[in-house]
């Protein structure tokens, strides 16, 4: 499985692809308020991450996710529940 740092880098790179480069993207950036991520872009983010990480990410893990760090935690928890650590 992939290490957390690699997964975080993938999350940040995918966000960079989806967001106009006007704001720096940090692990604690609010994806909606700071980065302007709309629902369609959130879906695109999940698809990009699924392709990059070669995993399935259920949309319901996003219920309490606001930042890339929280997304990393949600993905990590989901992967651990499914088949071991990320």
Protein backbone atom coordinates (compact mmCIF):
# COMPACT_ATOMS: atom_id res chain seq x y z
CA UNK A 1 0.00 0.00 0.00
CA UNK A 2 1.00 3.60 -0.46
CA UNK A 3 2.38 5.74 2.30
CA UNK A 4 0.38 8.63 3.71
CA UNK A 5 2.82 11.24 2.38
CA UNK A 6 2.46 9.92 -1.15
CA UNK A 7 -1.32 9.88 -0.87
CA UNK A 8 -1.31 13.47 0.46
CA UNK A 9 0.86 14.55 -2.47
CA UNK A 10 -1.57 12.86 -4.85
CA UNK A 11 -4.52 14.65 -3.20
CA UNK A 12 -2.77 18.02 -3.46
CA UNK A 13 -1.74 17.41 -7.08
CA UNK A 14 -5.27 16.39 -8.06
CA UNK A 15 -6.67 19.48 -6.36
CA UNK A 16 -4.15 21.62 -8.24
CA UNK A 17 -5.45 20.17 -11.51
CA UNK A 18 -9.04 21.07 -10.60
CA UNK A 19 -8.59 24.50 -9.02
CA UNK A 20 -7.45 27.63 -10.79
CA UNK A 21 -3.94 28.34 -9.53
CA UNK A 22 -4.84 31.50 -7.63
CA UNK A 23 -4.69 29.97 -4.15
CA UNK A 24 -1.93 27.92 -2.57
CA UNK A 25 -3.22 24.47 -1.68
CA UNK A 26 -2.24 23.20 1.75
CA UNK A 27 -3.28 20.12 3.72
CA UNK A 28 -5.48 22.38 5.87
CA UNK A 29 -7.07 24.37 3.02
CA UNK A 30 -10.86 24.40 3.08
CA UNK A 31 -11.71 22.79 -0.25
CA UNK A 32 -15.06 24.58 -0.57
CA UNK A 33 -14.54 28.01 0.99
CA UNK A 34 -10.87 28.60 0.12
CA UNK A 35 -10.47 26.60 -3.07
CA UNK A 36 -14.00 26.95 -4.45
CA UNK A 37 -14.48 23.25 -5.06
CA UNK A 38 -18.03 22.69 -6.31
CA UNK A 39 -19.87 19.38 -6.21
CA UNK A 40 -18.90 18.42 -9.77
CA UNK A 41 -15.25 19.13 -9.03
CA UNK A 42 -15.48 17.02 -5.87
CA UNK A 43 -16.68 14.13 -8.02
CA UNK A 44 -13.83 14.76 -10.44
CA UNK A 45 -11.41 14.80 -7.51
CA UNK A 46 -12.64 11.39 -6.36
CA UNK A 47 -12.30 9.96 -9.88
CA UNK A 48 -8.78 11.33 -10.26
CA UNK A 49 -7.77 9.89 -6.89
CA UNK A 50 -9.33 6.52 -7.66
CA UNK A 51 -7.30 6.36 -10.87
CA UNK A 52 -4.06 7.51 -9.27
CA UNK A 53 -4.31 5.36 -6.16
CA UNK A 54 -5.98 2.41 -7.88
CA UNK A 55 -8.66 2.20 -5.19
CA UNK A 56 -12.41 2.66 -4.95
CA UNK A 57 -13.51 5.66 -2.89
CA UNK A 58 -17.16 5.74 -1.82
CA UNK A 59 -18.73 9.19 -1.98
CA UNK A 60 -20.13 8.88 1.54
CA UNK A 61 -16.65 9.30 3.02
CA UNK A 62 -16.93 12.97 2.06
CA UNK A 63 -19.73 13.75 4.50
CA UNK A 64 -17.44 15.36 7.09
CA UNK A 65 -14.48 16.20 4.85
CA UNK A 66 -13.52 19.85 4.36
CA UNK A 67 -9.72 19.74 3.94
CA UNK A 68 -7.18 17.60 2.08
CA UNK A 69 -5.94 16.36 5.47
CA UNK A 70 -9.45 15.20 6.39
CA UNK A 71 -9.75 13.55 2.98
CA UNK A 72 -6.50 11.70 3.61
CA UNK A 73 -7.82 10.52 6.98
CA UNK A 74 -11.10 9.37 5.43
CA UNK A 75 -9.34 7.49 2.63
CA UNK A 76 -6.90 5.93 5.09
CA UNK A 77 -9.69 4.81 7.40
CA UNK A 78 -11.69 3.37 4.50
CA UNK A 79 -8.68 1.46 3.15
CA UNK A 80 -7.82 0.09 6.59
CA UNK A 81 -11.39 -1.13 7.02
CA UNK A 82 -11.33 -2.76 3.58
CA UNK A 83 -7.93 -4.37 3.36
CA UNK A 84 -5.14 -2.90 5.44
CA UNK A 85 -3.32 0.39 5.75
CA UNK A 86 -2.65 2.95 3.02
